[in-house]
Structure formats: structure tokens, C-alpha cells
C-alpha atoms as a PDB file:
ATOM      1  CA  MET A   1     -13.172  18.443 -83.028  1.00  0.00           C
ATOM      2  CA  ALA A   2     -16.741  18.544 -81.659  1.00  0.00           C
ATOM      3  CA  ARG A   3     -18.178  21.998 -81.012  1.00  0.00           C
ATOM      4  CA  LEU A   4     -21.786  21.078 -80.216  1.00  0.00           C
ATOM      5  CA  HIS A   5     -22.266  18.859 -77.164  1.00  0.00           C
ATOM      6  CA  VAL A   6     -25.832  17.575 -76.697  1.00  0.00           C
ATOM      7  CA  VAL A   7     -26.491  16.277 -73.176  1.00  0.00           C
ATOM      8  CA  THR A   8     -29.452  14.001 -72.525  1.00  0.00           C
ATOM      9  CA  GLY A   9     -30.444  11.482 -69.866  1.00  0.00           C
ATOM     10  CA  LYS A  10     -33.406   9.975 -68.074  1.00  0.00           C
ATOM     11  CA  GLY A  11     -35.182  12.383 -65.741  1.00  0.00           C
ATOM     12  CA  GLY A  12     -33.549  12.433 -62.317  1.00  0.00           C
ATOM     13  CA  THR A  13     -30.065  11.511 -63.521  1.00  0.00           C
ATOM     14  CA  GLY A  14     -28.775  15.085 -63.224  1.00  0.00           C
ATOM     15  CA  LYS A  15     -28.379  15.907 -66.920  1.00  0.00           C
ATOM     16  CA  THR A  16     -28.733  19.666 -66.367  1.00  0.00           C
ATOM     17  CA  THR A  17     -26.007  19.583 -63.713  1.00  0.00           C
ATOM     18  CA  VAL A  18     -23.804  17.519 -66.028  1.00  0.00           C
ATOM     19  CA  ALA A  19     -24.386  19.944 -68.922  1.00  0.00           C
ATOM     20  CA  ALA A  20     -23.415  22.870 -66.688  1.00  0.00           C
ATOM     21  CA  ALA A  21     -20.294  21.079 -65.419  1.00  0.00           C
ATOM     22  CA  MET A  22     -19.309  20.207 -68.982  1.00  0.00           C
ATOM     23  CA  ALA A  23     -19.632  23.856 -70.019  1.00  0.00           C
ATOM     24  CA  LEU A  24     -17.456  24.932 -67.084  1.00  0.00           C
ATOM     25  CA  ALA A  25     -14.879  22.266 -67.941  1.00  0.00           C
ATOM     26  CA  LEU A  26     -14.637  23.652 -71.471  1.00  0.00           C
ATOM     27  CA  ALA A  27     -14.412  27.214 -70.138  1.00  0.00           C
ATOM     28  CA  GLU A  28     -11.574  26.202 -67.827  1.00  0.00           C
ATOM     29  CA  GLN A  29      -9.599  25.496 -71.000  1.00  0.00           C
ATOM     30  CA  GLY A  30      -9.946  29.157 -71.913  1.00  0.00           C
ATOM     31  CA  LYS A  31     -12.879  28.626 -74.251  1.00  0.00           C
ATOM     32  CA  ARG A  32     -15.918  30.800 -74.822  1.00  0.00           C
ATOM     33  CA  VAL A  33     -18.913  28.498 -74.268  1.00  0.00           C
ATOM     34  CA  LEU A  34     -22.647  28.874 -74.779  1.00  0.00           C
ATOM     35  CA  LEU A  35     -24.855  26.735 -72.500  1.00  0.00           C
ATOM     36  CA  CYS A  36     -28.424  26.337 -73.806  1.00  0.00           C
ATOM     37  CA  GLU A  37     -31.617  24.919 -72.378  1.00  0.00           C
ATOM     38  CA  VAL A  38     -34.796  24.218 -74.347  1.00  0.00           C
ATOM     39  CA  GLU A  39     -37.341  22.823 -71.870  1.00  0.00           C
ATOM     40  CA  GLY A  40     -38.474  26.082 -70.258  1.00  0.00           C
ATOM     41  CA  ARG A  41     -37.604  24.944 -66.734  1.00  0.00           C
ATOM     42  CA  GLN A  42     -34.983  27.630 -65.994  1.00  0.00           C
ATOM     43  CA  GLY A  43     -32.803  24.897 -64.494  1.00  0.00           C
ATOM     44  CA  LEU A  44     -29.596  26.693 -65.456  1.00  0.00           C
ATOM     45  CA  ALA A  45     -30.625  29.887 -63.673  1.00  0.00           C
ATOM     46  CA  GLN A  46     -31.280  27.892 -60.508  1.00  0.00           C
ATOM     47  CA  LEU A  47     -27.952  26.062 -60.748  1.00  0.00           C
ATOM     48  CA  PHE A  48     -25.914  29.228 -61.203  1.00  0.00           C
ATOM     49  CA  ASP A  49     -28.082  31.234 -58.783  1.00  0.00           C
ATOM     50  CA  VAL A  50     -28.924  33.954 -61.299  1.00  0.00           C
ATOM     51  CA  PRO A  51     -32.260  35.547 -62.290  1.00  0.00           C
ATOM     52  CA  PRO A  52     -34.421  33.667 -64.841  1.00  0.00           C
ATOM     53  CA  LEU A  53     -32.716  33.638 -68.219  1.00  0.00           C
ATOM     54  CA  PRO A  54     -34.309  35.681 -71.015  1.00  0.00           C
ATOM     55  CA  TYR A  55     -34.122  34.878 -74.714  1.00  0.00           C
ATOM     56  CA  VAL A  56     -30.762  36.614 -74.770  1.00  0.00           C
ATOM     57  CA  GLU A  57     -27.266  35.207 -74.386  1.00  0.00           C
ATOM     58  CA  ARG A  58     -25.937  36.271 -70.991  1.00  0.00           C
ATOM     59  CA  ARG A  59     -22.640  35.574 -69.262  1.00  0.00           C
ATOM     60  CA  ILE A  60     -23.163  33.544 -66.103  1.00  0.00           C
ATOM     61  CA  ALA A  61     -19.688  32.246 -65.191  1.00  0.00           C
ATOM     62  CA  GLN A  62     -15.999  32.649 -65.879  1.00  0.00           C
ATOM     63  CA  GLY A  63     -13.544  29.767 -65.883  1.00  0.00           C
ATOM     64  CA  PRO A  64     -10.203  29.863 -64.042  1.00  0.00           C
ATOM     65  CA  GLY A  65      -8.472  29.457 -67.409  1.00  0.00           C
ATOM     66  CA  GLY A  66      -9.955  32.718 -68.680  1.00  0.00           C
ATOM     67  CA  GLY A  67     -12.850  31.170 -70.543  1.00  0.00           C
ATOM     68  CA  GLU A  68     -16.450  32.289 -70.201  1.00  0.00           C
ATOM     69  CA  VAL A  69     -19.812  30.552 -69.988  1.00  0.00           C
ATOM     70  CA  PHE A  70     -22.816  32.283 -71.517  1.00  0.00           C
ATOM     71  CA  ALA A  71     -26.330  30.905 -71.096  1.00  0.00           C
ATOM     72  CA  LEU A  72     -29.456  31.025 -73.221  1.00  0.00           C
ATOM     73  CA  ALA A  73     -32.961  29.751 -72.519  1.00  0.00           C
ATOM     74  CA  VAL A  74     -34.274  28.982 -76.006  1.00  0.00           C
ATOM     75  CA  ASP A  75     -37.975  29.741 -76.284  1.00  0.00           C
ATOM     76  CA  ALA A  76     -39.894  28.303 -79.248  1.00  0.00           C
ATOM     77  CA  GLU A  77     -42.299  31.232 -79.565  1.00  0.00           C
ATOM     78  CA  ALA A  78     -39.486  33.811 -79.513  1.00  0.00           C
ATOM     79  CA  ALA A  79     -37.500  31.692 -81.964  1.00  0.00           C
ATOM     80  CA  LEU A  80     -40.487  31.580 -84.340  1.00  0.00           C
ATOM     81  CA  LEU A  81     -40.818  35.370 -84.233  1.00  0.00           C
ATOM     82  CA  GLU A  82     -37.111  35.632 -84.976  1.00  0.00           C
ATOM     83  CA  TYR A  83     -37.490  33.139 -87.816  1.00  0.00           C
ATOM     84  CA  LEU A  84     -40.477  34.981 -89.337  1.00  0.00           C
ATOM     85  CA  ASP A  85     -38.612  38.273 -89.215  1.00  0.00           C
ATOM     86  CA  MET A  86     -35.436  36.733 -90.712  1.00  0.00           C
ATOM     87  CA  TYR A  87     -37.089  34.935 -93.634  1.00  0.00           C
ATOM     88  CA  TYR A  88     -40.314  36.840 -94.187  1.00  0.00           C
ATOM     89  CA  HIS A  89     -39.493  40.282 -92.705  1.00  0.00           C
ATOM     90  CA  LEU A  90     -42.743  40.332 -90.742  1.00  0.00           C
ATOM     91  CA  GLY A  91     -41.397  42.569 -87.976  1.00  0.00           C
ATOM     92  CA  ARG A  92     -44.400  44.211 -86.291  1.00  0.00           C
ATOM     93  CA  ALA A  93     -46.790  41.791 -87.974  1.00  0.00           C
ATOM     94  CA  GLY A  94     -45.048  38.954 -86.144  1.00  0.00           C
ATOM     95  CA  LYS A  95     -45.509  40.792 -82.844  1.00  0.00           C
ATOM     96  CA  ALA A  96     -49.212  41.159 -83.661  1.00  0.00           C
ATOM     97  CA  LEU A  97     -49.460  37.411 -84.232  1.00  0.00           C
ATOM     98  CA  GLU A  98     -47.894  36.885 -80.819  1.00  0.00           C
ATOM     99  CA  LYS A  99     -50.439  39.169 -79.149  1.00  0.00           C
ATOM    100  CA  VAL A 100     -53.390  37.202 -80.494  1.00  0.00           C
ATOM    101  CA  GLY A 101     -51.826  33.889 -79.496  1.00  0.00           C
ATOM    102  CA  ALA A 102     -51.122  32.674 -83.039  1.00  0.00           C
ATOM    103  CA  ILE A 103     -47.464  31.934 -82.294  1.00  0.00           C
ATOM    104  CA  ASP A 104     -48.292  29.676 -79.358  1.00  0.00           C
ATOM    105  CA  PHE A 105     -51.060  28.036 -81.411  1.00  0.00           C
ATOM    106  CA  VAL A 106     -48.718  27.203 -84.297  1.00  0.00           C
ATOM    107  CA  THR A 107     -45.987  25.698 -82.105  1.00  0.00           C
ATOM    108  CA  THR A 108     -48.565  23.690 -80.144  1.00  0.00           C
ATOM    109  CA  ILE A 109     -50.296  22.071 -83.110  1.00  0.00           C
ATOM    110  CA  ALA A 110     -46.983  21.429 -84.878  1.00  0.00           C
ATOM    111  CA  PRO A 111     -44.546  20.030 -82.267  1.00  0.00           C
ATOM    112  CA  GLY A 112     -42.166  19.084 -85.085  1.00  0.00           C
ATOM    113  CA  LEU A 113     -41.902  22.753 -85.977  1.00  0.00           C
ATOM    114  CA  ARG A 114     -41.234  23.592 -82.320  1.00  0.00           C
ATOM    115  CA  ASP A 115     -38.242  21.234 -82.289  1.00  0.00           C
ATOM    116  CA  VAL A 116     -36.913  22.688 -85.544  1.00  0.00           C
ATOM    117  CA  LEU A 117     -37.110  26.158 -84.005  1.00  0.00           C
ATOM    118  CA  LEU A 118     -35.366  25.064 -80.810  1.00  0.00           C
ATOM    119  CA  THR A 119     -32.593  23.156 -82.552  1.00  0.00           C
ATOM    120  CA  GLY A 120     -32.398  25.880 -85.194  1.00  0.00           C
ATOM    121  CA  LYS A 121     -31.381  28.471 -82.627  1.00  0.00           C
ATOM    122  CA  VAL A 122     -28.667  26.140 -81.315  1.00  0.00           C
ATOM    123  CA  TYR A 123     -27.584  25.494 -84.919  1.00  0.00           C
ATOM    124  CA  GLU A 124     -27.272  29.233 -85.538  1.00  0.00           C
ATOM    125  CA  ALA A 125     -25.254  29.805 -82.359  1.00  0.00           C
ATOM    126  CA  THR A 126     -22.881  26.955 -83.217  1.00  0.00           C
ATOM    127  CA  ARG A 127     -22.153  28.414 -86.672  1.00  0.00           C
ATOM    128  CA  ARG A 128     -22.305  32.133 -85.914  1.00  0.00           C
ATOM    129  CA  LYS A 129     -19.193  34.196 -86.531  1.00  0.00           C
ATOM    130  CA  ALA A 130     -18.057  37.510 -85.097  1.00  0.00           C
ATOM    131  CA  HIS A 131     -15.044  39.465 -86.315  1.00  0.00           C
ATOM    132  CA  GLY A 132     -14.069  36.671 -88.658  1.00  0.00           C
ATOM    133  CA  LYS A 133     -14.099  33.842 -86.122  1.00  0.00           C
ATOM    134  CA  LEU A 134     -16.649  31.635 -84.399  1.00  0.00           C
ATOM    135  CA  ALA A 135     -18.635  33.484 -81.733  1.00  0.00           C
ATOM    136  CA  TYR A 136     -18.389  30.422 -79.456  1.00  0.00           C
ATOM    137  CA  ASP A 137     -15.702  27.771 -79.258  1.00  0.00           C
ATOM    138  CA  ALA A 138     -18.286  25.287 -78.006  1.00  0.00           C
ATOM    139  CA  VAL A 139     -22.038  25.050 -77.453  1.00  0.00           C
ATOM    140  CA  VAL A 140     -23.478  22.732 -74.786  1.00  0.00           C
ATOM    141  CA  LEU A 141     -27.166  21.882 -75.078  1.00  0.00           C
ATOM    142  CA  ASP A 142     -29.154  20.667 -72.076  1.00  0.00           C
ATOM    143  CA  ALA A 143     -31.489  18.629 -74.281  1.00  0.00           C
ATOM    144  CA  PRO A 144     -34.789  16.829 -73.590  1.00  0.00           C
ATOM    145  CA  PRO A 145     -34.596  13.476 -71.746  1.00  0.00           C
ATOM    146  CA  THR A 146     -33.670  10.211 -73.461  1.00  0.00           C
ATOM    147  CA  GLY A 147     -37.311   9.228 -73.898  1.00  0.00           C
ATOM    148  CA  ARG A 148     -37.729  12.148 -76.325  1.00  0.00           C
ATOM    149  CA  ILE A 149     -34.211  12.775 -77.607  1.00  0.00           C
ATOM    150  CA  GLY A 150     -34.497  10.782 -80.839  1.00  0.00           C
ATOM    151  CA  ARG A 151     -37.633  12.614 -81.936  1.00  0.00           C
ATOM    152  CA  PHE A 152     -36.194  15.961 -80.848  1.00  0.00           C
ATOM    153  CA  LEU A 153     -33.005  15.548 -82.882  1.00  0.00           C
ATOM    154  CA  ASN A 154     -34.548  13.840 -85.910  1.00  0.00           C
ATOM    155  CA  VAL A 155     -35.852  17.154 -87.250  1.00  0.00           C
ATOM    156  CA  ASN A 156     -36.015  15.965 -90.867  1.00  0.00           C
ATOM    157  CA  HIS A 157     -38.613  13.349 -89.964  1.00  0.00           C
ATOM    158  CA  GLU A 158     -40.521  15.781 -87.775  1.00  0.00           C
ATOM    159  CA  VAL A 159     -41.011  18.342 -90.571  1.00  0.00           C
ATOM    160  CA  ALA A 160     -41.714  15.774 -93.327  1.00  0.00           C
ATOM    161  CA  GLY A 161     -45.442  16.286 -92.984  1.00  0.00           C
ATOM    162  CA  LEU A 162     -45.132  20.056 -92.657  1.00  0.00           C
ATOM    163  CA  ALA A 163     -42.882  21.065 -95.517  1.00  0.00           C
ATOM    164  CA  LYS A 164     -41.459  19.283 -98.536  1.00  0.00           C
ATOM    165  CA  VAL A 165     -39.639  22.378 -99.837  1.00  0.00           C
ATOM    166  CA  GLY A 166     -38.961  25.947 -98.760  1.00  0.00           C
ATOM    167  CA  PRO A 167     -37.140  27.646 -95.862  1.00  0.00           C
ATOM    168  CA  ILE A 168     -38.439  25.319 -93.135  1.00  0.00           C
ATOM    169  CA  ARG A 169     -37.361  22.227 -95.054  1.00  0.00           C
ATOM    170  CA  ASN A 170     -34.000  23.799 -95.899  1.00  0.00           C
ATOM    171  CA  GLN A 171     -33.483  24.703 -92.260  1.00  0.00           C
ATOM    172  CA  ALA A 172     -34.285  21.149 -91.138  1.00  0.00           C
ATOM    173  CA  ASP A 173     -31.877  19.700 -93.711  1.00  0.00           C
ATOM    174  CA  ALA A 174     -29.087  22.044 -92.603  1.00  0.00           C
ATOM    175  CA  ILE A 175     -29.661  21.244 -88.913  1.00  0.00           C
ATOM    176  CA  MET A 176     -29.658  17.507 -89.604  1.00  0.00           C
ATOM    177  CA  GLY A 177     -26.438  17.830 -91.563  1.00  0.00           C
ATOM    178  CA  MET A 178     -24.728  19.501 -88.612  1.00  0.00           C
ATOM    179  CA  LEU A 179     -26.119  17.021 -86.074  1.00  0.00           C
ATOM    180  CA  ARG A 180     -24.724  14.119 -88.098  1.00  0.00           C
ATOM    181  CA  SER A 181     -21.326  15.698 -88.666  1.00  0.00           C
ATOM    182  CA  ASP A 182     -18.049  15.598 -86.709  1.00  0.00           C
ATOM    183  CA  VAL A 183     -19.087  18.895 -85.115  1.00  0.00           C
ATOM    184  CA  THR A 184     -21.684  17.218 -82.878  1.00  0.00           C
ATOM    185  CA  ARG A 185     -21.514  14.625 -80.102  1.00  0.00           C
ATOM    186  CA  ILE A 186     -24.403  13.270 -78.021  1.00  0.00           C
ATOM    187  CA  HIS A 187     -23.575  12.575 -74.363  1.00  0.00           C
ATOM    188  CA  LEU A 188     -25.907  10.402 -72.278  1.00  0.00           C
ATOM    189  CA  VAL A 189     -26.175  10.765 -68.507  1.00  0.00           C
ATOM    190  CA  THR A 190     -27.116   7.778 -66.372  1.00  0.00           C
ATOM    191  CA  LEU A 191     -27.054   6.409 -62.854  1.00  0.00           C
ATOM    192  CA  LEU A 192     -25.936   2.886 -62.004  1.00  0.00           C
ATOM    193  CA  GLU A 193     -29.549   1.763 -61.673  1.00  0.00           C
ATOM    194  CA  GLU A 194     -31.625  -0.596 -63.814  1.00  0.00           C
ATOM    195  CA  MET A 195     -34.049   1.853 -65.441  1.00  0.00           C
ATOM    196  CA  PRO A 196     -31.622   4.686 -66.294  1.00  0.00           C
ATOM    197  CA  VAL A 197     -29.094   2.206 -67.688  1.00  0.00           C
ATOM    198  CA  GLN A 198     -31.701   0.428 -69.815  1.00  0.00           C
ATOM    199  CA  GLU A 199     -32.992   3.757 -71.121  1.00  0.00           C
ATOM    200  CA  THR A 200     -29.417   4.756 -71.954  1.00  0.00           C
ATOM    201  CA  LEU A 201     -28.822   1.510 -73.874  1.00  0.00           C
ATOM    202  CA  ASP A 202     -32.066   2.005 -75.794  1.00  0.00           C
ATOM    203  CA  ALA A 203     -31.206   5.628 -76.570  1.00  0.00           C
ATOM    204  CA  VAL A 204     -27.739   4.734 -77.860  1.00  0.00           C
ATOM    205  CA  GLU A 205     -29.280   2.198 -80.227  1.00  0.00           C
ATOM    206  CA  GLN A 206     -31.910   4.674 -81.410  1.00  0.00           C
ATOM    207  CA  LEU A 207     -29.449   7.545 -81.924  1.00  0.00           C
ATOM    208  CA  GLU A 208     -26.983   5.416 -83.828  1.00  0.00           C
ATOM    209  CA  LYS A 209     -29.787   4.264 -86.154  1.00  0.00           C
ATOM    210  CA  LEU A 210     -30.286   7.967 -86.921  1.00  0.00           C
ATOM    211  CA  ASP A 211     -26.559   8.247 -87.784  1.00  0.00           C
ATOM    212  CA  LEU A 212     -25.932  10.490 -84.766  1.00  0.00           C
ATOM    213  CA  ARG A 213     -22.584  10.225 -83.018  1.00  0.00           C
ATOM    214  CA  ILE A 214     -22.289   9.268 -79.361  1.00  0.00           C
ATOM    215  CA  GLY A 215     -19.702  11.184 -77.368  1.00  0.00           C
ATOM    216  CA  SER A 216     -19.589   9.712 -73.878  1.00  0.00           C
ATOM    217  CA  ILE A 217     -21.736   7.938 -71.337  1.00  0.00           C
ATOM    218  CA  VAL A 218     -21.642   9.993 -68.140  1.00  0.00           C
ATOM    219  CA  VAL A 219     -22.144   7.848 -65.050  1.00  0.00           C
ATOM    220  CA  ASN A 220     -23.337  10.376 -62.511  1.00  0.00           C
ATOM    221  CA  MET A 221     -23.618  10.364 -58.693  1.00  0.00           C
ATOM    222  CA  VAL A 222     -21.158   7.519 -58.166  1.00  0.00           C
ATOM    223  CA  ARG A 223     -20.633   6.379 -54.553  1.00  0.00           C
ATOM    224  CA  ASN A 224     -17.385   4.708 -53.572  1.00  0.00           C
ATOM    225  CA  SER A 225     -17.762   1.765 -51.208  1.00  0.00           C
ATOM    226  CA  PRO A 226     -15.835   1.913 -47.917  1.00  0.00           C
ATOM    227  CA  LEU A 227     -15.580  -1.909 -48.042  1.00  0.00           C
ATOM    228  CA  ASP A 228     -13.004  -3.810 -50.080  1.00  0.00           C
ATOM    229  CA  ASP A 229     -13.987  -6.741 -52.299  1.00  0.00           C
ATOM    230  CA  ASP A 230     -13.326  -9.348 -49.605  1.00  0.00           C
ATOM    231  CA  ALA A 231     -15.510  -7.535 -47.085  1.00  0.00           C
ATOM    232  CA  LEU A 232     -18.254  -7.073 -49.679  1.00  0.00           C
ATOM    233  CA  ALA A 233     -18.216 -10.792 -50.430  1.00  0.00           C
ATOM    234  CA  LEU A 234     -18.590 -11.609 -46.737  1.00  0.00           C
ATOM    235  CA  ALA A 235     -21.324  -8.998 -46.296  1.00  0.00           C
ATOM    236  CA  VAL A 236     -23.394 -10.439 -49.165  1.00  0.00           C
ATOM    237  CA  LYS A 237     -23.264 -13.850 -47.458  1.00  0.00           C
ATOM    238  CA  GLU A 238     -24.013 -12.214 -44.071  1.00  0.00           C
ATOM    239  CA  LYS A 239     -20.715 -13.580 -42.747  1.00  0.00           C
ATOM    240  CA  LEU A 240     -18.952 -10.414 -41.603  1.00  0.00           C
ATOM    241  CA  PRO A 241     -17.081 -11.298 -38.379  1.00  0.00           C
ATOM    242  CA  VAL A 242     -19.071 -10.018 -35.415  1.00  0.00           C
ATOM    243  CA  ALA A 243     -15.887  -9.664 -33.358  1.00  0.00           C
ATOM    244  CA  GLU A 244     -14.367  -7.296 -35.933  1.00  0.00           C
ATOM    245  CA  LEU A 245     -17.523  -5.209 -36.106  1.00  0.00           C
ATOM    246  CA  THR A 246     -17.530  -4.954 -32.318  1.00  0.00           C
ATOM    247  CA  ARG A 247     -13.864  -3.911 -32.232  1.00  0.00           C
ATOM    248  CA  GLY A 248     -14.463  -1.311 -34.904  1.00  0.00           C
ATOM    249  CA  LEU A 249     -17.338   0.240 -33.033  1.00  0.00           C
ATOM    250  CA  LYS A 250     -15.384   0.342 -29.784  1.00  0.00           C
ATOM    251  CA  ALA A 251     -12.399   1.901 -31.554  1.00  0.00           C
ATOM    252  CA  ALA A 252     -14.745   4.647 -32.777  1.00  0.00           C
ATOM    253  CA  GLY A 253     -15.965   5.225 -29.224  1.00  0.00           C
ATOM    254  CA  ILE A 254     -19.414   3.741 -29.904  1.00  0.00           C
ATOM    255  CA  PRO A 255     -20.976   1.316 -27.402  1.00  0.00           C
ATOM    256  CA  ALA A 256     -21.130  -2.005 -29.259  1.00  0.00           C
ATOM    257  CA  GLY A 257     -24.360  -3.636 -28.110  1.00  0.00           C
ATOM    258  CA  ASP A 258     -25.714  -6.711 -29.892  1.00  0.00           C
ATOM    259  CA  ASP A 259     -28.555  -4.698 -31.467  1.00  0.00           C
ATOM    260  CA  LEU A 260     -26.165  -2.154 -32.972  1.00  0.00           C
ATOM    261  CA  VAL A 261     -23.787  -4.810 -34.270  1.00  0.00           C
ATOM    262  CA  GLY A 262     -26.741  -6.644 -35.838  1.00  0.00           C
ATOM    263  CA  THR A 263     -28.024  -3.428 -37.450  1.00  0.00           C
ATOM    264  CA  LEU A 264     -24.559  -2.655 -38.813  1.00  0.00           C
ATOM    265  CA  ALA A 265     -24.250  -6.141 -40.270  1.00  0.00           C
ATOM    266  CA  THR A 266     -27.668  -5.800 -41.948  1.00  0.00           C
ATOM    267  CA  GLU A 267     -26.729  -2.438 -43.438  1.00  0.00           C
ATOM    268  CA  ALA A 268     -23.461  -3.883 -44.712  1.00  0.00           C
ATOM    269  CA  HIS A 269     -25.402  -6.741 -46.324  1.00  0.00           C
ATOM    270  CA  ASP A 270     -27.791  -4.314 -48.068  1.00  0.00           C
ATOM    271  CA  HIS A 271     -24.869  -2.119 -49.122  1.00  0.00           C
ATOM    272  CA  ALA A 272     -22.985  -5.074 -50.617  1.00  0.00           C
ATOM    273  CA  ILE A 273     -26.027  -6.133 -52.638  1.00  0.00           C
ATOM    274  CA  ARG A 274     -26.392  -2.573 -53.982  1.00  0.00           C
ATOM    275  CA  VAL A 275     -22.712  -2.431 -54.920  1.00  0.00           C
ATOM    276  CA  GLY A 276     -23.088  -5.731 -56.763  1.00  0.00           C
ATOM    277  CA  LEU A 277     -26.046  -4.419 -58.753  1.00  0.00           C
ATOM    278  CA  GLU A 278     -24.195  -1.195 -59.553  1.00  0.00           C
ATOM    279  CA  ARG A 279     -21.236  -3.185 -60.862  1.00  0.00           C
ATOM    280  CA  GLU A 280     -23.541  -5.269 -63.054  1.00  0.00           C
ATOM    281  CA  ASN A 281     -25.023  -2.088 -64.493  1.00  0.00           C
ATOM    282  CA  ARG A 282     -21.569  -0.641 -65.039  1.00  0.00           C
ATOM    283  CA  ASP A 283     -20.633  -3.801 -66.963  1.00  0.00           C
ATOM    284  CA  ARG A 284     -23.666  -3.235 -69.212  1.00  0.00           C
ATOM    285  CA  ILE A 285     -22.491   0.306 -69.912  1.00  0.00           C
ATOM    286  CA  ASP A 286     -18.895  -0.758 -70.555  1.00  0.00           C
ATOM    287  CA  ALA A 287     -20.163  -3.380 -73.029  1.00  0.00           C
ATOM    288  CA  LEU A 288     -21.270  -0.525 -75.305  1.00  0.00           C
ATOM    289  CA  GLY A 289     -17.626   0.215 -76.001  1.00  0.00           C
ATOM    290  CA  LYS A 290     -18.154   3.975 -75.614  1.00  0.00           C
ATOM    291  CA  GLN A 291     -16.109   6.506 -73.681  1.00  0.00           C
ATOM    292  CA  VAL A 292     -17.311   6.555 -70.064  1.00  0.00           C
ATOM    293  CA  THR A 293     -16.964   9.537 -67.731  1.00  0.00           C
ATOM    294  CA  GLN A 294     -17.626   9.006 -64.030  1.00  0.00           C
ATOM    295  CA  LEU A 295     -18.774  11.804 -61.712  1.00  0.00           C
ATOM    296  CA  SER A 296     -18.951  11.576 -57.922  1.00  0.00           C
ATOM    297  CA  LEU A 297     -22.035  11.870 -55.769  1.00  0.00           C
ATOM    298  CA  HIS A 298     -22.239  15.127 -53.803  1.00  0.00           C
ATOM    299  CA  PRO A 299     -24.747  14.289 -51.059  1.00  0.00           C
ATOM    300  CA  ASP A 300     -25.017  17.852 -49.761  1.00  0.00           C
ATOM    301  CA  GLY A 301     -26.473  19.091 -53.057  1.00  0.00           C
ATOM    302  CA  VAL A 302     -25.098  21.088 -55.964  1.00  0.00           C
ATOM    303  CA  ASP A 303     -23.904  24.675 -55.750  1.00  0.00           C
ATOM    304  CA  GLN A 304     -21.386  26.624 -57.817  1.00  0.00           C
ATOM    305  CA  GLY A 305     -18.495  25.128 -55.872  1.00  0.00           C
ATOM    306  CA  THR A 306     -19.799  21.645 -56.574  1.00  0.00           C
ATOM    307  CA  LEU A 307     -20.128  22.497 -60.275  1.00  0.00           C
ATOM    308  CA  LEU A 308     -16.460  23.497 -60.358  1.00  0.00           C
ATOM    309  CA  ASP A 309     -15.526  20.211 -58.666  1.00  0.00           C
ATOM    310  CA  LEU A 310     -17.528  18.273 -61.243  1.00  0.00           C
ATOM    311  CA  ALA A 311     -15.928  20.287 -64.029  1.00  0.00           C
ATOM    312  CA  GLU A 312     -12.539  19.263 -62.672  1.00  0.00           C
ATOM    313  CA  GLU A 313     -13.646  15.619 -62.739  1.00  0.00           C
ATOM    314  CA  PHE A 314     -14.576  16.077 -66.397  1.00  0.00           C
ATOM    315  CA  ARG A 315     -11.148  17.453 -67.172  1.00  0.00           C
ATOM    316  CA  GLY A 316      -9.431  14.686 -65.196  1.00  0.00           C
END
């Protein structure tokens, strides 16, 4: 069973919200879950309405089933200091390097090393044991967007020019082994729009070429149409019966002038076209043959109550 869930998606698709909802869904099953972010945006702190997350695992939520969600903002510079202390026992010397800016310099000129450090911390958390058992039942990673996810996860390639042997190379090999194993699944978040769907299709192809395993395609912010298929077909052709529109408005206590009826018919036409495009995009996703999870649009924004609702949709 998968223990590491990597969540990616085009910017604006709500991948951080989906990662948080997924973590809560796992916690509602009584599991102890670690939710990580690696982009330095503190998006998780904003979602859960807590202070900015330090480089320390901190409990931020408890599931109704008794599970817990811990969060960690993985910082490349802090991870490098931890790495130097673990493998080279630098201790205070590492802190001195940080003070003169050497740590930031190294991770800036070697972005491949930065990704190894970020994924390495997630790797360690996924495998860590306490009192003879795994410290976390599951780890959910709010990963970089689909445009960068292949490079971010392909750590072996990224360190090829940095290290042929030694601890860094060994670390990259171990991380890659875990990412390609049954332990890990990559979940891609999309909207039913042309660009996010195309980017999702491209990412699936790229990730599978790297021998990484796709978990599910999460179709986020789905809107249900109030019109049935027959009404949608009429609306596309601009043939909705004016008499029925007028009766509907009057039944709702709204004065049904010609201008309002015309505006309503135009909006129905535009809505029907959008629904048609969304269905075409959904067909493209379904053609992948992957598991698809659908999450509803919450137009009033996302708060902790909304996250619990989305977690319930995940479980359903």
C-alpha cells in the first residue's frame, strides 16, 4: 500500500488544497499523517490558519477518526545543514557556513542538489521509525507544479553532474528507489479546462517514462449544471423556449421582461458551451485509464470546514 502521496498540478488548480484534503482524509481513517511543502510559500499555514511553519514537524489538525495531521515546511538550506551534520559531523562549522551565506550559495548554483535535499527530507520522514514502527502511516507531499515535477522527482539525473559516487549519489539512488516503488504514488490535480488538462496529460507521459507510478487524477472545482442534457442541447442551439423561461422567472417572483429573458437565454447558451467543453476535457482525462477523483467547487473559498468536506469527498 502507498505511504508517500506526491501531489502536483498546474498552478491555480488548487494542488495545495487537494494535498491538505488528502492528508485529512487519511487522518480520518485513524492514521498519523505528515503533510509536507517544499516551495517556501507557507500555503499550508494559511490553509489551516496557523502561524508560519518552521523546519519542525508540528501537529496542525486531528481527524474525527482519531488520526492526526502533522505539517512540515521543508527548507533546502536547513536540510543541507542537517545533511552536513549527519554525514560530516560539521555541527557549528555548518552554522558558520550558513552565517556567511555559503549554504544559500551552494543550493542556488546547484538546483539539482536542492531537489535532492528537499526530497531527501521527505524520504527520511517516510522511512523513519519510532518505538519499532513507522513514525507516520502516510506522508503527503505538496510538490512543485507539473511543469517542474519531472525534474524535481528525477533526482538521479539531477545529481549526475554533481556526484558519481559518495553520500550524495547514494542518497539520490535511495530516494529514486523509493519514488519508483509501490510505496509512492503521484497524484495530478487538474481543472476541466484546456491548459490544465493538456499539462496533466503531458505530465503523466513524462512521469511514466521515468518509471514513476500515477495514483489518481484529481479533477478539482467541479461545477454541476442545473440543466439536464435536453436543456443543454437546446441552449447550445439558442432554442430554449422563451415561454418556459418567462414562466420560470414569474414562478420565482421575478418580473420577466424581454431584456431579462434574453439575458437569461444568452447566459444559458454560454453555460451550455462551457459544459460541453468541460465534458470534452473530462473525456480526455478518462482516456488515460487512470483512477479519477472528482472534488466539488466551493465558491465561497476554502476554510477548515471546507477542507473537511473535501476530505469526505476523497473518502467517498
